[in-house]
C-alpha atoms as a PDB file:
ATOM      1  CA  UNK A   1       0.000   0.000   0.000  1.00  0.00           C
ATOM      2  CA  UNK A   2       1.161   3.448  -0.820  1.00  0.00           C
ATOM      3  CA  UNK A   3      -0.024   6.406   1.171  1.00  0.00           C
ATOM      4  CA  UNK A   4       0.071  10.032   0.268  1.00  0.00           C
ATOM      5  CA  UNK A   5       1.460  12.549   2.710  1.00  0.00           C
ATOM      6  CA  UNK A   6      -1.094  14.542   4.609  1.00  0.00           C
ATOM      7  CA  UNK A   7      -0.535  18.259   4.073  1.00  0.00           C
ATOM      8  CA  UNK A   8      -0.005  20.218   7.265  1.00  0.00           C
ATOM      9  CA  UNK A   9      -3.141  21.896   8.492  1.00  0.00           C
ATOM     10  CA  UNK A  10      -2.412  25.410   9.727  1.00  0.00           C
ATOM     11  CA  UNK A  11      -5.497  25.242  11.936  1.00  0.00           C
ATOM     12  CA  UNK A  12      -4.124  22.212  13.789  1.00  0.00           C
ATOM     13  CA  UNK A  13      -1.421  24.318  15.432  1.00  0.00           C
ATOM     14  CA  UNK A  14      -2.301  25.525  18.885  1.00  0.00           C
ATOM     15  CA  UNK A  15      -2.123  29.291  19.240  1.00  0.00           C
ATOM     16  CA  UNK A  16      -1.751  30.485  22.823  1.00  0.00           C
ATOM     17  CA  UNK A  17      -2.579  33.505  24.922  1.00  0.00           C
ATOM     18  CA  UNK A  18      -0.391  34.094  27.981  1.00  0.00           C
ATOM     19  CA  UNK A  19      -1.351  36.447  30.794  1.00  0.00           C
ATOM     20  CA  UNK A  20      -2.375  36.632  34.433  1.00  0.00           C
ATOM     21  CA  UNK A  21      -5.538  35.667  36.230  1.00  0.00           C
ATOM     22  CA  UNK A  22      -7.230  37.711  38.958  1.00  0.00           C
ATOM     23  CA  UNK A  23      -5.064  36.087  41.638  1.00  0.00           C
ATOM     24  CA  UNK A  24      -1.762  36.839  39.915  1.00  0.00           C
ATOM     25  CA  UNK A  25      -1.090  33.341  38.559  1.00  0.00           C
ATOM     26  CA  UNK A  26       0.228  33.032  35.031  1.00  0.00           C
ATOM     27  CA  UNK A  27      -2.148  31.401  32.550  1.00  0.00           C
ATOM     28  CA  UNK A  28      -1.291  29.867  29.198  1.00  0.00           C
ATOM     29  CA  UNK A  29      -4.262  28.642  27.185  1.00  0.00           C
ATOM     30  CA  UNK A  30      -4.862  27.926  23.572  1.00  0.00           C
ATOM     31  CA  UNK A  31      -7.348  30.108  21.742  1.00  0.00           C
ATOM     32  CA  UNK A  32      -9.760  27.219  21.198  1.00  0.00           C
ATOM     33  CA  UNK A  33      -9.866  26.303  24.887  1.00  0.00           C
ATOM     34  CA  UNK A  34      -8.510  22.799  24.288  1.00  0.00           C
ATOM     35  CA  UNK A  35      -5.401  22.944  26.466  1.00  0.00           C
ATOM     36  CA  UNK A  36      -3.760  25.226  28.963  1.00  0.00           C
ATOM     37  CA  UNK A  37      -2.344  25.542  32.433  1.00  0.00           C
ATOM     38  CA  UNK A  38      -1.780  27.682  35.506  1.00  0.00           C
ATOM     39  CA  UNK A  39       1.827  28.587  36.326  1.00  0.00           C
ATOM     40  CA  UNK A  40       3.721  30.339  39.084  1.00  0.00           C
ATOM     41  CA  UNK A  41       5.844  32.412  36.707  1.00  0.00           C
ATOM     42  CA  UNK A  42       5.823  33.856  33.212  1.00  0.00           C
ATOM     43  CA  UNK A  43       8.777  31.782  31.990  1.00  0.00           C
ATOM     44  CA  UNK A  44       6.990  28.512  32.795  1.00  0.00           C
ATOM     45  CA  UNK A  45       3.797  29.660  31.053  1.00  0.00           C
ATOM     46  CA  UNK A  46       5.703  30.695  27.932  1.00  0.00           C
ATOM     47  CA  UNK A  47       7.760  27.483  27.942  1.00  0.00           C
ATOM     48  CA  UNK A  48       4.542  25.407  28.076  1.00  0.00           C
ATOM     49  CA  UNK A  49       2.919  27.400  25.286  1.00  0.00           C
ATOM     50  CA  UNK A  50       6.043  27.148  23.123  1.00  0.00           C
ATOM     51  CA  UNK A  51       6.279  23.389  23.551  1.00  0.00           C
ATOM     52  CA  UNK A  52       2.573  22.844  22.905  1.00  0.00           C
ATOM     53  CA  UNK A  53       2.644  25.020  19.780  1.00  0.00           C
ATOM     54  CA  UNK A  54       5.691  23.291  18.330  1.00  0.00           C
ATOM     55  CA  UNK A  55       7.861  26.400  18.823  1.00  0.00           C
ATOM     56  CA  UNK A  56       6.170  28.034  15.818  1.00  0.00           C
ATOM     57  CA  UNK A  57       6.763  31.725  15.355  1.00  0.00           C
ATOM     58  CA  UNK A  58       3.722  33.838  16.110  1.00  0.00           C
ATOM     59  CA  UNK A  59       1.903  31.083  18.010  1.00  0.00           C
ATOM     60  CA  UNK A  60       2.043  32.942  21.337  1.00  0.00           C
ATOM     61  CA  UNK A  61       0.553  36.307  22.118  1.00  0.00           C
ATOM     62  CA  UNK A  62       0.402  38.135  25.409  1.00  0.00           C
ATOM     63  CA  UNK A  63      -2.761  39.511  26.963  1.00  0.00           C
ATOM     64  CA  UNK A  64      -2.638  43.160  28.002  1.00  0.00           C
ATOM     65  CA  UNK A  65      -2.015  43.671  31.729  1.00  0.00           C
ATOM     66  CA  UNK A  66      -5.569  45.004  32.110  1.00  0.00           C
ATOM     67  CA  UNK A  67      -7.051  41.685  30.884  1.00  0.00           C
ATOM     68  CA  UNK A  68      -7.474  38.866  33.395  1.00  0.00           C
ATOM     69  CA  UNK A  69      -7.351  35.391  31.898  1.00  0.00           C
ATOM     70  CA  UNK A  70      -9.032  32.212  33.041  1.00  0.00           C
ATOM     71  CA  UNK A  71      -8.721  28.641  31.853  1.00  0.00           C
ATOM     72  CA  UNK A  72     -12.486  28.449  31.626  1.00  0.00           C
ATOM     73  CA  UNK A  73     -13.563  31.455  29.528  1.00  0.00           C
END
């Protein structure tokens, strides 16, 4: 059997938002709400988002300081 390669789907890449919640924890969550986490520091949140997004350029954006993130919204 011969298979054909499956073209990469740009929508399959997780795109993340990183910011803080109302209690000061760092949140990293994908824009579709499929994965994410709560972290004690910014570096850990960014590291998680980078790994989950395959280290793709432009896959992480930061929420403004005035916006409070949650894993559930």
